[in-house]
Amino acid sequence: MNYVRCINNKGNEASLDIGSVYRGLQATAIEKESGMMRIIDNEGEDYLYPDNWFEAVSEQELVSELSEPLTIYLNRVSKIVVRDLANAKGASMSALVRGWIDERLDLPAVAGYL
């Protein structure tokens, strides 16, 4: 898995934002030869885009991107359920949600991430 920053989105403005970091998927030999890169875009789908529309993101930059705060708003019932599950595990709600995210997403192993 690799992460790249979009530097061109001509004709795909709804799918890609210039300056945003996207997850790149393993390309097949044919995709590589054709100069295309498979990217998970703003719609959450993977599509082929020209590889010269992206630049590599260093591990240091990735750590900075991942350390931005995220606020999640839950309705009252969901919040009560999450609170009760966290209390049952002896954890904070934030720790519980971070654990769920780590279990379900294929996040990169980055030194100093946590």
PDB file of N, CA and C in Angstrom:
ATOM      1  N   MET A   1       0.852  -1.168   0.000  1.00  0.00           N
ATOM      2  CA  MET A   1       0.000   0.000   0.000  1.00  0.00           C
ATOM      3  C   MET A   1       0.897   1.231   0.000  1.00  0.00           C
ATOM      4  N   ASN A   2       0.505   2.224  -0.789  1.00  0.00           N
ATOM      5  CA  ASN A   2       1.258   3.466  -0.783  1.00  0.00           C
ATOM      6  C   ASN A   2       0.288   4.638  -0.761  1.00  0.00           C
ATOM      7  N   TYR A   3       0.804   5.760  -0.359  1.00  0.00           N
ATOM      8  CA  TYR A   3       0.003   6.965  -0.294  1.00  0.00           C
ATOM      9  C   TYR A   3       0.647   8.012  -1.188  1.00  0.00           C
ATOM     10  N   VAL A   4      -0.218   8.735  -1.906  1.00  0.00           N
ATOM     11  CA  VAL A   4       0.250   9.733  -2.853  1.00  0.00           C
ATOM     12  C   VAL A   4      -0.581  11.008  -2.703  1.00  0.00           C
ATOM     13  N   ARG A   5       0.007  12.124  -3.149  1.00  0.00           N
ATOM     14  CA  ARG A   5      -0.693  13.405  -3.112  1.00  0.00           C
ATOM     15  C   ARG A   5      -1.084  13.770  -4.548  1.00  0.00           C
ATOM     16  N   CYS A   6      -2.317  14.210  -4.709  1.00  0.00           N
ATOM     17  CA  CYS A   6      -2.823  14.608  -6.024  1.00  0.00           C
ATOM     18  C   CYS A   6      -2.235  15.968  -6.397  1.00  0.00           C
ATOM     19  N   ILE A   7      -1.679  16.053  -7.620  1.00  0.00           N
ATOM     20  CA  ILE A   7      -1.133  17.320  -8.107  1.00  0.00           C
ATOM     21  C   ILE A   7      -1.837  17.769  -9.397  1.00  0.00           C
ATOM     22  N   ASN A   8      -2.768  16.945  -9.907  1.00  0.00           N
ATOM     23  CA  ASN A   8      -3.528  17.288 -11.105  1.00  0.00           C
ATOM     24  C   ASN A   8      -4.851  16.518 -11.051  1.00  0.00           C
ATOM     25  N   ASN A   9      -5.936  17.187 -11.373  1.00  0.00           N
ATOM     26  CA  ASN A   9      -7.236  16.512 -11.374  1.00  0.00           C
ATOM     27  C   ASN A   9      -8.098  16.931 -12.564  1.00  0.00           C
ATOM     28  N   LYS A  10      -7.461  17.410 -13.618  1.00  0.00           N
ATOM     29  CA  LYS A  10      -8.173  17.972 -14.766  1.00  0.00           C
ATOM     30  C   LYS A  10      -9.236  17.005 -15.289  1.00  0.00           C
ATOM     31  N   GLY A  11     -10.488  17.458 -15.247  1.00  0.00           N
ATOM     32  CA  GLY A  11     -11.601  16.654 -15.705  1.00  0.00           C
ATOM     33  C   GLY A  11     -12.137  15.694 -14.664  1.00  0.00           C
ATOM     34  N   ASN A  12     -11.490  15.620 -13.516  1.00  0.00           N
ATOM     35  CA  ASN A  12     -11.921  14.717 -12.436  1.00  0.00           C
ATOM     36  C   ASN A  12     -12.017  15.473 -11.108  1.00  0.00           C
ATOM     37  N   GLU A  13     -12.463  16.724 -11.173  1.00  0.00           N
ATOM     38  CA  GLU A  13     -12.492  17.582  -9.986  1.00  0.00           C
ATOM     39  C   GLU A  13     -13.386  17.044  -8.883  1.00  0.00           C
ATOM     40  N   ALA A  14     -14.441  16.312  -9.218  1.00  0.00           N
ATOM     41  CA  ALA A  14     -15.329  15.755  -8.194  1.00  0.00           C
ATOM     42  C   ALA A  14     -14.708  14.533  -7.523  1.00  0.00           C
ATOM     43  N   SER A  15     -13.809  13.856  -8.215  1.00  0.00           N
ATOM     44  CA  SER A  15     -13.234  12.614  -7.703  1.00  0.00           C
ATOM     45  C   SER A  15     -11.914  12.804  -6.973  1.00  0.00           C
ATOM     46  N   LEU A  16     -11.179  13.853  -7.339  1.00  0.00           N
ATOM     47  CA  LEU A  16      -9.858  14.092  -6.761  1.00  0.00           C
ATOM     48  C   LEU A  16      -9.719  15.558  -6.383  1.00  0.00           C
ATOM     49  N   ASP A  17      -9.082  15.816  -5.251  1.00  0.00           N
ATOM     50  CA  ASP A  17      -8.800  17.174  -4.807  1.00  0.00           C
ATOM     51  C   ASP A  17      -7.298  17.401  -4.850  1.00  0.00           C
ATOM     52  N   ILE A  18      -6.869  18.457  -5.517  1.00  0.00           N
ATOM     53  CA  ILE A  18      -5.448  18.771  -5.576  1.00  0.00           C
ATOM     54  C   ILE A  18      -4.946  19.037  -4.159  1.00  0.00           C
ATOM     55  N   GLY A  19      -3.834  18.414  -3.816  1.00  0.00           N
ATOM     56  CA  GLY A  19      -3.236  18.562  -2.490  1.00  0.00           C
ATOM     57  C   GLY A  19      -3.662  17.493  -1.501  1.00  0.00           C
ATOM     58  N   SER A  20      -4.718  16.747  -1.814  1.00  0.00           N
ATOM     59  CA  SER A  20      -5.186  15.703  -0.896  1.00  0.00           C
ATOM     60  C   SER A  20      -4.348  14.438  -1.052  1.00  0.00           C
ATOM     61  N   VAL A  21      -4.264  13.675   0.026  1.00  0.00           N
ATOM     62  CA  VAL A  21      -3.528  12.423   0.031  1.00  0.00           C
ATOM     63  C   VAL A  21      -4.516  11.283  -0.210  1.00  0.00           C
ATOM     64  N   TYR A  22      -4.128  10.380  -1.113  1.00  0.00           N
ATOM     65  CA  TYR A  22      -4.973   9.240  -1.479  1.00  0.00           C
ATOM     66  C   TYR A  22      -4.193   7.945  -1.324  1.00  0.00           C
ATOM     67  N   ARG A  23      -4.928   6.884  -1.111  1.00  0.00           N
ATOM     68  CA  ARG A  23      -4.330   5.553  -1.014  1.00  0.00           C
ATOM     69  C   ARG A  23      -4.233   4.947  -2.406  1.00  0.00           C
ATOM     70  N   GLY A  24      -3.047   4.511  -2.751  1.00  0.00           N
ATOM     71  CA  GLY A  24      -2.835   3.839  -4.021  1.00  0.00           C
ATOM     72  C   GLY A  24      -2.833   2.337  -3.795  1.00  0.00           C
ATOM     73  N   LEU A  25      -3.461   1.610  -4.702  1.00  0.00           N
ATOM     74  CA  LEU A  25      -3.505   0.159  -4.612  1.00  0.00           C
ATOM     75  C   LEU A  25      -2.442  -0.449  -5.524  1.00  0.00           C
ATOM     76  N   GLN A  26      -2.129  -1.700  -5.282  1.00  0.00           N
ATOM     77  CA  GLN A  26      -1.146  -2.410  -6.097  1.00  0.00           C
ATOM     78  C   GLN A  26      -1.608  -2.437  -7.547  1.00  0.00           C
ATOM     79  N   ALA A  27      -0.768  -1.963  -8.428  1.00  0.00           N
ATOM     80  CA  ALA A  27      -1.107  -1.932  -9.850  1.00  0.00           C
ATOM     81  C   ALA A  27      -0.676  -3.231 -10.522  1.00  0.00           C
ATOM     82  N   THR A  28      -1.422  -3.609 -11.530  1.00  0.00           N
ATOM     83  CA  THR A  28      -1.032  -4.771 -12.326  1.00  0.00           C
ATOM     84  C   THR A  28       0.083  -4.353 -13.273  1.00  0.00           C
ATOM     85  N   ALA A  29       0.736  -5.309 -13.902  1.00  0.00           N
ATOM     86  CA  ALA A  29       1.807  -5.017 -14.845  1.00  0.00           C
ATOM     87  C   ALA A  29       1.286  -4.162 -16.006  1.00  0.00           C
ATOM     88  N   ILE A  30       0.093  -4.472 -16.496  1.00  0.00           N
ATOM     89  CA  ILE A  30      -0.492  -3.711 -17.606  1.00  0.00           C
ATOM     90  C   ILE A  30      -0.760  -2.268 -17.188  1.00  0.00           C
ATOM     91  N   GLU A  31      -1.275  -2.073 -15.969  1.00  0.00           N
ATOM     92  CA  GLU A  31      -1.534  -0.710 -15.479  1.00  0.00           C
ATOM     93  C   GLU A  31      -0.237   0.073 -15.368  1.00  0.00           C
ATOM     94  N   LYS A  32       0.808  -0.555 -14.844  1.00  0.00           N
ATOM     95  CA  LYS A  32       2.100   0.124 -14.723  1.00  0.00           C
ATOM     96  C   LYS A  32       2.649   0.512 -16.085  1.00  0.00           C
ATOM     97  N   GLU A  33       2.575  -0.423 -17.033  1.00  0.00           N
ATOM     98  CA  GLU A  33       3.086  -0.168 -18.381  1.00  0.00           C
ATOM     99  C   GLU A  33       2.332   0.961 -19.069  1.00  0.00           C
ATOM    100  N   SER A  34       1.048   1.095 -18.768  1.00  0.00           N
ATOM    101  CA  SER A  34       0.235   2.129 -19.418  1.00  0.00           C
ATOM    102  C   SER A  34       0.359   3.483 -18.718  1.00  0.00           C
ATOM    103  N   GLY A  35       1.138   3.548 -17.618  1.00  0.00           N
ATOM    104  CA  GLY A  35       1.316   4.815 -16.915  1.00  0.00           C
ATOM    105  C   GLY A  35       0.127   5.209 -16.067  1.00  0.00           C
ATOM    106  N   MET A  36      -0.636   4.214 -15.640  1.00  0.00           N
ATOM    107  CA  MET A  36      -1.814   4.472 -14.822  1.00  0.00           C
ATOM    108  C   MET A  36      -1.580   3.990 -13.394  1.00  0.00           C
ATOM    109  N   MET A  37      -2.321   4.584 -12.477  1.00  0.00           N
ATOM    110  CA  MET A  37      -2.226   4.239 -11.063  1.00  0.00           C
ATOM    111  C   MET A  37      -3.643   4.030 -10.538  1.00  0.00           C
ATOM    112  N   ARG A  38      -3.835   2.981  -9.761  1.00  0.00           N
ATOM    113  CA  ARG A  38      -5.152   2.689  -9.180  1.00  0.00           C
ATOM    114  C   ARG A  38      -5.222   3.411  -7.833  1.00  0.00           C
ATOM    115  N   ILE A  39      -6.197   4.335  -7.717  1.00  0.00           N
ATOM    116  CA  ILE A  39      -6.338   5.208  -6.548  1.00  0.00           C
ATOM    117  C   ILE A  39      -7.738   5.061  -5.970  1.00  0.00           C
ATOM    118  N   ILE A  40      -7.829   5.050  -4.648  1.00  0.00           N
ATOM    119  CA  ILE A  40      -9.145   5.137  -3.997  1.00  0.00           C
ATOM    120  C   ILE A  40      -9.464   6.626  -3.893  1.00  0.00           C
ATOM    121  N   ASP A  41     -10.467   7.055  -4.646  1.00  0.00           N
ATOM    122  CA  ASP A  41     -10.755   8.479  -4.783  1.00  0.00           C
ATOM    123  C   ASP A  41     -11.793   8.970  -3.773  1.00  0.00           C
ATOM    124  N   ASN A  42     -12.309  10.169  -4.000  1.00  0.00           N
ATOM    125  CA  ASN A  42     -13.256  10.792  -3.059  1.00  0.00           C
ATOM    126  C   ASN A  42     -14.554  10.018  -2.893  1.00  0.00           C
ATOM    127  N   GLU A  43     -14.924   9.231  -3.881  1.00  0.00           N
ATOM    128  CA  GLU A  43     -16.145   8.430  -3.777  1.00  0.00           C
ATOM    129  C   GLU A  43     -15.904   7.118  -3.044  1.00  0.00           C
ATOM    130  N   GLY A  44     -14.643   6.851  -2.681  1.00  0.00           N
ATOM    131  CA  GLY A  44     -14.317   5.610  -1.993  1.00  0.00           C
ATOM    132  C   GLY A  44     -14.154   4.432  -2.933  1.00  0.00           C
ATOM    133  N   GLU A  45     -14.125   4.705  -4.227  1.00  0.00           N
ATOM    134  CA  GLU A  45     -13.959   3.655  -5.236  1.00  0.00           C
ATOM    135  C   GLU A  45     -12.537   3.703  -5.779  1.00  0.00           C
ATOM    136  N   ASP A  46     -12.060   2.567  -6.277  1.00  0.00           N
ATOM    137  CA  ASP A  46     -10.740   2.585  -6.891  1.00  0.00           C
ATOM    138  C   ASP A  46     -10.882   2.696  -8.405  1.00  0.00           C
ATOM    139  N   TYR A  47     -10.184   3.680  -8.947  1.00  0.00           N
ATOM    140  CA  TYR A  47     -10.182   3.938 -10.386  1.00  0.00           C
ATOM    141  C   TYR A  47      -8.759   4.157 -10.848  1.00  0.00           C
ATOM    142  N   LEU A  48      -8.563   4.020 -12.142  1.00  0.00           N
ATOM    143  CA  LEU A  48      -7.255   4.275 -12.731  1.00  0.00           C
ATOM    144  C   LEU A  48      -7.137   5.746 -13.105  1.00  0.00           C
ATOM    145  N   TYR A  49      -6.029   6.336 -12.705  1.00  0.00           N
ATOM    146  CA  TYR A  49      -5.709   7.717 -13.054  1.00  0.00           C
ATOM    147  C   TYR A  49      -4.272   7.742 -13.552  1.00  0.00           C
ATOM    148  N   PRO A  50      -3.915   8.749 -14.356  1.00  0.00           N
ATOM    149  CA  PRO A  50      -2.528   8.858 -14.808  1.00  0.00           C
ATOM    150  C   PRO A  50      -1.578   8.979 -13.610  1.00  0.00           C
ATOM    151  N   ASP A  51      -0.500   8.207 -13.630  1.00  0.00           N
ATOM    152  CA  ASP A  51       0.400   8.238 -12.470  1.00  0.00           C
ATOM    153  C   ASP A  51       1.124   9.573 -12.328  1.00  0.00           C
ATOM    154  N   ASN A  52       1.213  10.368 -13.412  1.00  0.00           N
ATOM    155  CA  ASN A  52       1.874  11.671 -13.286  1.00  0.00           C
ATOM    156  C   ASN A  52       0.959  12.730 -12.653  1.00  0.00           C
ATOM    157  N   TRP A  53      -0.243  12.331 -12.254  1.00  0.00           N
ATOM    158  CA  TRP A  53      -1.133  13.216 -11.508  1.00  0.00           C
ATOM    159  C   TRP A  53      -0.848  13.170 -10.013  1.00  0.00           C
ATOM    160  N   PHE A  54       0.106  12.343  -9.597  1.00  0.00           N
ATOM    161  CA  PHE A  54       0.363  12.126  -8.179  1.00  0.00           C
ATOM    162  C   PHE A  54       1.850  12.179  -7.885  1.00  0.00           C
ATOM    163  N   GLU A  55       2.153  12.546  -6.642  1.00  0.00           N
ATOM    164  CA  GLU A  55       3.528  12.492  -6.164  1.00  0.00           C
ATOM    165  C   GLU A  55       3.546  11.663  -4.887  1.00  0.00           C
ATOM    166  N   ALA A  56       4.653  10.987  -4.673  1.00  0.00           N
ATOM    167  CA  ALA A  56       4.784  10.139  -3.488  1.00  0.00           C
ATOM    168  C   ALA A  56       4.726  10.981  -2.218  1.00  0.00           C
ATOM    169  N   VAL A  57       4.180  10.406  -1.171  1.00  0.00           N
ATOM    170  CA  VAL A  57       4.128  11.053   0.143  1.00  0.00           C
ATOM    171  C   VAL A  57       5.110  10.322   1.038  1.00  0.00           C
ATOM    172  N   SER A  58       6.045  11.069   1.619  1.00  0.00           N
ATOM    173  CA  SER A  58       7.051  10.466   2.490  1.00  0.00           C
ATOM    174  C   SER A  58       6.424   9.989   3.795  1.00  0.00           C
ATOM    175  N   GLU A  59       7.128   9.120   4.488  1.00  0.00           N
ATOM    176  CA  GLU A  59       6.634   8.623   5.770  1.00  0.00           C
ATOM    177  C   GLU A  59       6.420   9.772   6.752  1.00  0.00           C
ATOM    178  N   GLN A  60       7.313  10.751   6.750  1.00  0.00           N
ATOM    179  CA  GLN A  60       7.187  11.915   7.649  1.00  0.00           C
ATOM    180  C   GLN A  60       5.907  12.697   7.338  1.00  0.00           C
ATOM    181  N   GLU A  61       5.637  12.927   6.054  1.00  0.00           N
ATOM    182  CA  GLU A  61       4.416  13.632   5.676  1.00  0.00           C
ATOM    183  C   GLU A  61       3.177  12.833   6.049  1.00  0.00           C
ATOM    184  N   LEU A  62       3.261  11.527   5.876  1.00  0.00           N
ATOM    185  CA  LEU A  62       2.131  10.655   6.197  1.00  0.00           C
ATOM    186  C   LEU A  62       1.811  10.722   7.687  1.00  0.00           C
ATOM    187  N   VAL A  63       2.828  10.732   8.519  1.00  0.00           N
ATOM    188  CA  VAL A  63       2.616  10.845   9.962  1.00  0.00           C
ATOM    189  C   VAL A  63       1.906  12.163  10.274  1.00  0.00           C
ATOM    190  N   SER A  64       2.327  13.242   9.627  1.00  0.00           N
ATOM    191  CA  SER A  64       1.684  14.541   9.850  1.00  0.00           C
ATOM    192  C   SER A  64       0.223  14.510   9.418  1.00  0.00           C
ATOM    193  N   GLU A  65      -0.061  13.892   8.272  1.00  0.00           N
ATOM    194  CA  GLU A  65      -1.440  13.787   7.785  1.00  0.00           C
ATOM    195  C   GLU A  65      -2.292  12.972   8.750  1.00  0.00           C
ATOM    196  N   LEU A  66      -1.733  11.892   9.276  1.00  0.00           N
ATOM    197  CA  LEU A  66      -2.502  11.003  10.149  1.00  0.00           C
ATOM    198  C   LEU A  66      -2.712  11.554  11.543  1.00  0.00           C
ATOM    199  N   SER A  67      -1.934  12.561  11.927  1.00  0.00           N
ATOM    200  CA  SER A  67      -2.051  13.054  13.296  1.00  0.00           C
ATOM    201  C   SER A  67      -3.038  14.217  13.418  1.00  0.00           C
ATOM    202  N   GLU A  68      -3.751  14.543  12.339  1.00  0.00           N
ATOM    203  CA  GLU A  68      -4.758  15.588  12.435  1.00  0.00           C
ATOM    204  C   GLU A  68      -5.962  15.068  13.217  1.00  0.00           C
ATOM    205  N   PRO A  69      -6.565  15.892  14.065  1.00  0.00           N
ATOM    206  CA  PRO A  69      -7.722  15.434  14.842  1.00  0.00           C
ATOM    207  C   PRO A  69      -8.933  15.181  13.951  1.00  0.00           C
ATOM    208  N   LEU A  70      -9.761  14.268  14.397  1.00  0.00           N
ATOM    209  CA  LEU A  70     -10.996  13.928  13.699  1.00  0.00           C
ATOM    210  C   LEU A  70     -12.119  13.943  14.725  1.00  0.00           C
ATOM    211  N   THR A  71     -13.184  14.650  14.424  1.00  0.00           N
ATOM    212  CA  THR A  71     -14.349  14.707  15.301  1.00  0.00           C
ATOM    213  C   THR A  71     -15.475  13.910  14.659  1.00  0.00           C
ATOM    214  N   ILE A  72     -16.086  13.044  15.444  1.00  0.00           N
ATOM    215  CA  ILE A  72     -17.197  12.236  14.957  1.00  0.00           C
ATOM    216  C   ILE A  72     -18.429  12.582  15.790  1.00  0.00           C
ATOM    217  N   TYR A  73     -19.503  12.924  15.105  1.00  0.00           N
ATOM    218  CA  TYR A  73     -20.747  13.227  15.802  1.00  0.00           C
ATOM    219  C   TYR A  73     -21.657  12.000  15.737  1.00  0.00           C
ATOM    220  N   LEU A  74     -22.140  11.587  16.888  1.00  0.00           N
ATOM    221  CA  LEU A  74     -23.032  10.442  16.983  1.00  0.00           C
ATOM    222  C   LEU A  74     -24.381  10.900  17.507  1.00  0.00           C
ATOM    223  N   ASN A  75     -25.449  10.212  17.088  1.00  0.00           N
ATOM    224  CA  ASN A  75     -26.743  10.521  17.690  1.00  0.00           C
ATOM    225  C   ASN A  75     -26.711  10.009  19.132  1.00  0.00           C
ATOM    226  N   ARG A  76     -27.666  10.388  19.924  1.00  0.00           N
ATOM    227  CA  ARG A  76     -27.643  10.075  21.362  1.00  0.00           C
ATOM    228  C   ARG A  76     -27.615   8.580  21.645  1.00  0.00           C
ATOM    229  N   VAL A  77     -28.390   7.813  20.899  1.00  0.00           N
ATOM    230  CA  VAL A  77     -28.446   6.368  21.133  1.00  0.00           C
ATOM    231  C   VAL A  77     -27.090   5.738  20.819  1.00  0.00           C
ATOM    232  N   SER A  78     -26.492   6.113  19.688  1.00  0.00           N
ATOM    233  CA  SER A  78     -25.180   5.569  19.322  1.00  0.00           C
ATOM    234  C   SER A  78     -24.131   5.934  20.361  1.00  0.00           C
ATOM    235  N   LYS A  79     -24.181   7.165  20.839  1.00  0.00           N
ATOM    236  CA  LYS A  79     -23.209   7.612  21.842  1.00  0.00           C
ATOM    237  C   LYS A  79     -23.350   6.803  23.132  1.00  0.00           C
ATOM    238  N   ILE A  80     -24.567   6.534  23.539  1.00  0.00           N
ATOM    239  CA  ILE A  80     -24.802   5.735  24.749  1.00  0.00           C
ATOM    240  C   ILE A  80     -24.240   4.334  24.565  1.00  0.00           C
ATOM    241  N   VAL A  81     -24.483   3.738  23.389  1.00  0.00           N
ATOM    242  CA  VAL A  81     -23.986   2.384  23.120  1.00  0.00           C
ATOM    243  C   VAL A  81     -22.460   2.364  23.138  1.00  0.00           C
ATOM    244  N   VAL A  82     -21.831   3.317  22.473  1.00  0.00           N
ATOM    245  CA  VAL A  82     -20.362   3.378  22.449  1.00  0.00           C
ATOM    246  C   VAL A  82     -19.817   3.604  23.858  1.00  0.00           C
ATOM    247  N   ARG A  83     -20.448   4.490  24.614  1.00  0.00           N
ATOM    248  CA  ARG A  83     -20.014   4.748  25.994  1.00  0.00           C
ATOM    249  C   ARG A  83     -20.101   3.490  26.835  1.00  0.00           C
ATOM    250  N   ASP A  84     -21.222   2.777  26.730  1.00  0.00           N
ATOM    251  CA  ASP A  84     -21.406   1.566  27.532  1.00  0.00           C
ATOM    252  C   ASP A  84     -20.410   0.473  27.147  1.00  0.00           C
ATOM    253  N   LEU A  85     -20.144   0.321  25.848  1.00  0.00           N
ATOM    254  CA  LEU A  85     -19.146  -0.661  25.406  1.00  0.00           C
ATOM    255  C   LEU A  85     -17.752  -0.290  25.894  1.00  0.00           C
ATOM    256  N   ALA A  86     -17.429   0.995  25.837  1.00  0.00           N
ATOM    257  CA  ALA A  86     -16.124   1.456  26.318  1.00  0.00           C
ATOM    258  C   ALA A  86     -15.993   1.214  27.815  1.00  0.00           C
ATOM    259  N   ASN A  87     -17.030   1.542  28.583  1.00  0.00           N
ATOM    260  CA  ASN A  87     -17.002   1.306  30.028  1.00  0.00           C
ATOM    261  C   ASN A  87     -16.831  -0.177  30.349  1.00  0.00           C
ATOM    262  N   ALA A  88     -17.503  -1.029  29.596  1.00  0.00           N
ATOM    263  CA  ALA A  88     -17.402  -2.477  29.827  1.00  0.00           C
ATOM    264  C   ALA A  88     -15.981  -2.983  29.574  1.00  0.00           C
ATOM    265  N   LYS A  89     -15.282  -2.339  28.660  1.00  0.00           N
ATOM    266  CA  LYS A  89     -13.898  -2.739  28.345  1.00  0.00           C
ATOM    267  C   LYS A  89     -12.883  -1.980  29.198  1.00  0.00           C
ATOM    268  N   GLY A  90     -13.346  -1.032  29.991  1.00  0.00           N
ATOM    269  CA  GLY A  90     -12.433  -0.237  30.811  1.00  0.00           C
ATOM    270  C   GLY A  90     -11.589   0.707  29.971  1.00  0.00           C
ATOM    271  N   ALA A  91     -12.173   1.215  28.884  1.00  0.00           N
ATOM    272  CA  ALA A  91     -11.448   2.099  27.967  1.00  0.00           C
ATOM    273  C   ALA A  91     -12.244   3.371  27.752  1.00  0.00           C
ATOM    274  N   SER A  92     -11.594   4.366  27.185  1.00  0.00           N
ATOM    275  CA  SER A  92     -12.319   5.577  26.807  1.00  0.00           C
ATOM    276  C   SER A  92     -13.060   5.322  25.497  1.00  0.00           C
ATOM    277  N   MET A  93     -14.029   6.176  25.213  1.00  0.00           N
ATOM    278  CA  MET A  93     -14.741   6.042  23.938  1.00  0.00           C
ATOM    279  C   MET A  93     -13.776   6.224  22.775  1.00  0.00           C
ATOM    280  N   SER A  94     -12.851   7.162  22.892  1.00  0.00           N
ATOM    281  CA  SER A  94     -11.872   7.398  21.826  1.00  0.00           C
ATOM    282  C   SER A  94     -11.005   6.168  21.591  1.00  0.00           C
ATOM    283  N   ALA A  95     -10.549   5.546  22.671  1.00  0.00           N
ATOM    284  CA  ALA A  95      -9.711   4.350  22.534  1.00  0.00           C
ATOM    285  C   ALA A  95     -10.487   3.214  21.878  1.00  0.00           C
ATOM    286  N   LEU A  96     -11.755   3.087  22.234  1.00  0.00           N
ATOM    287  CA  LEU A  96     -12.587   2.046  21.637  1.00  0.00           C
ATOM    288  C   LEU A  96     -12.738   2.264  20.130  1.00  0.00           C
ATOM    289  N   VAL A  97     -13.050   3.485  19.742  1.00  0.00           N
ATOM    290  CA  VAL A  97     -13.224   3.787  18.318  1.00  0.00           C
ATOM    291  C   VAL A  97     -11.909   3.627  17.570  1.00  0.00           C
ATOM    292  N   ARG A  98     -10.785   4.083  18.135  1.00  0.00           N
ATOM    293  CA  ARG A  98      -9.472   3.889  17.492  1.00  0.00           C
ATOM    294  C   ARG A  98      -9.194   2.409  17.287  1.00  0.00           C
ATOM    295  N   GLY A  99      -9.545   1.584  18.269  1.00  0.00           N
ATOM    296  CA  GLY A  99      -9.358   0.142  18.152  1.00  0.00           C
ATOM    297  C   GLY A  99     -10.183  -0.435  17.008  1.00  0.00           C
ATOM    298  N   TRP A 100     -11.424   0.012  16.888  1.00  0.00           N
ATOM    299  CA  TRP A 100     -12.271  -0.454  15.785  1.00  0.00           C
ATOM    300  C   TRP A 100     -11.665  -0.069  14.436  1.00  0.00           C
ATOM    301  N   ILE A 101     -11.193   1.157  14.352  1.00  0.00           N
ATOM    302  CA  ILE A 101     -10.584   1.619  13.098  1.00  0.00           C
ATOM    303  C   ILE A 101      -9.358   0.778  12.762  1.00  0.00           C
ATOM    304  N   ASP A 102      -8.496   0.553  13.737  1.00  0.00           N
ATOM    305  CA  ASP A 102      -7.291  -0.251  13.510  1.00  0.00           C
ATOM    306  C   ASP A 102      -7.630  -1.668  13.074  1.00  0.00           C
ATOM    307  N   GLU A 103      -8.695  -2.239  13.629  1.00  0.00           N
ATOM    308  CA  GLU A 103      -9.107  -3.608  13.282  1.00  0.00           C
ATOM    309  C   GLU A 103      -9.664  -3.693  11.868  1.00  0.00           C
ATOM    310  N   ARG A 104     -10.324  -2.652  11.413  1.00  0.00           N
ATOM    311  CA  ARG A 104     -11.064  -2.721  10.148  1.00  0.00           C
ATOM    312  C   ARG A 104     -10.345  -2.121   8.945  1.00  0.00           C
ATOM    313  N   LEU A 105      -9.382  -1.251   9.184  1.00  0.00           N
ATOM    314  CA  LEU A 105      -8.683  -0.609   8.080  1.00  0.00           C
ATOM    315  C   LEU A 105      -7.275  -1.155   7.950  1.00  0.00           C
ATOM    316  N   ASP A 106      -6.783  -1.149   6.752  1.00  0.00           N
ATOM    317  CA  ASP A 106      -5.421  -1.583   6.480  1.00  0.00           C
ATOM    318  C   ASP A 106      -4.515  -0.358   6.551  1.00  0.00           C
ATOM    319  N   LEU A 107      -4.305   0.128   7.781  1.00  0.00           N
ATOM    320  CA  LEU A 107      -3.503   1.328   7.955  1.00  0.00           C
ATOM    321  C   LEU A 107      -2.018   1.016   7.842  1.00  0.00           C
ATOM    322  N   PRO A 108      -1.249   1.972   7.356  1.00  0.00           N
ATOM    323  CA  PRO A 108       0.191   1.737   7.221  1.00  0.00           C
ATOM    324  C   PRO A 108       0.849   1.651   8.592  1.00  0.00           C
ATOM    325  N   ALA A 109       1.871   0.830   8.676  1.00  0.00           N
ATOM    326  CA  ALA A 109       2.669   0.735   9.905  1.00  0.00           C
ATOM    327  C   ALA A 109       3.706   1.828   9.837  1.00  0.00           C
ATOM    328  N   VAL A 110       3.500   2.893  10.575  1.00  0.00           N
ATOM    329  CA  VAL A 110       4.397   4.040  10.542  1.00  0.00           C
ATOM    330  C   VAL A 110       4.997   4.223  11.926  1.00  0.00           C
ATOM    331  N   ALA A 111       6.318   4.341  11.980  1.00  0.00           N
ATOM    332  CA  ALA A 111       7.011   4.540  13.256  1.00  0.00           C
ATOM    333  C   ALA A 111       6.503   5.823  13.912  1.00  0.00           C
ATOM    334  N   GLY A 112       6.181   5.725  15.183  1.00  0.00           N
ATOM    335  CA  GLY A 112       5.725   6.892  15.937  1.00  0.00           C
ATOM    336  C   GLY A 112       4.282   7.278  15.672  1.00  0.00           C
ATOM    337  N   TYR A 113       3.521   6.400  14.986  1.00  0.00           N
ATOM    338  CA  TYR A 113       2.131   6.714  14.649  1.00  0.00           C
ATOM    339  C   TYR A 113       1.298   6.920  15.893  1.00  0.00           C
ATOM    340  N   LEU A 114       1.419   6.013  16.861  1.00  0.00           N
ATOM    341  CA  LEU A 114       0.658   6.147  18.100  1.00  0.00           C
ATOM    342  C   LEU A 114       1.529   6.766  19.111  1.00  0.00           C
TER     343      LEU A 114
END
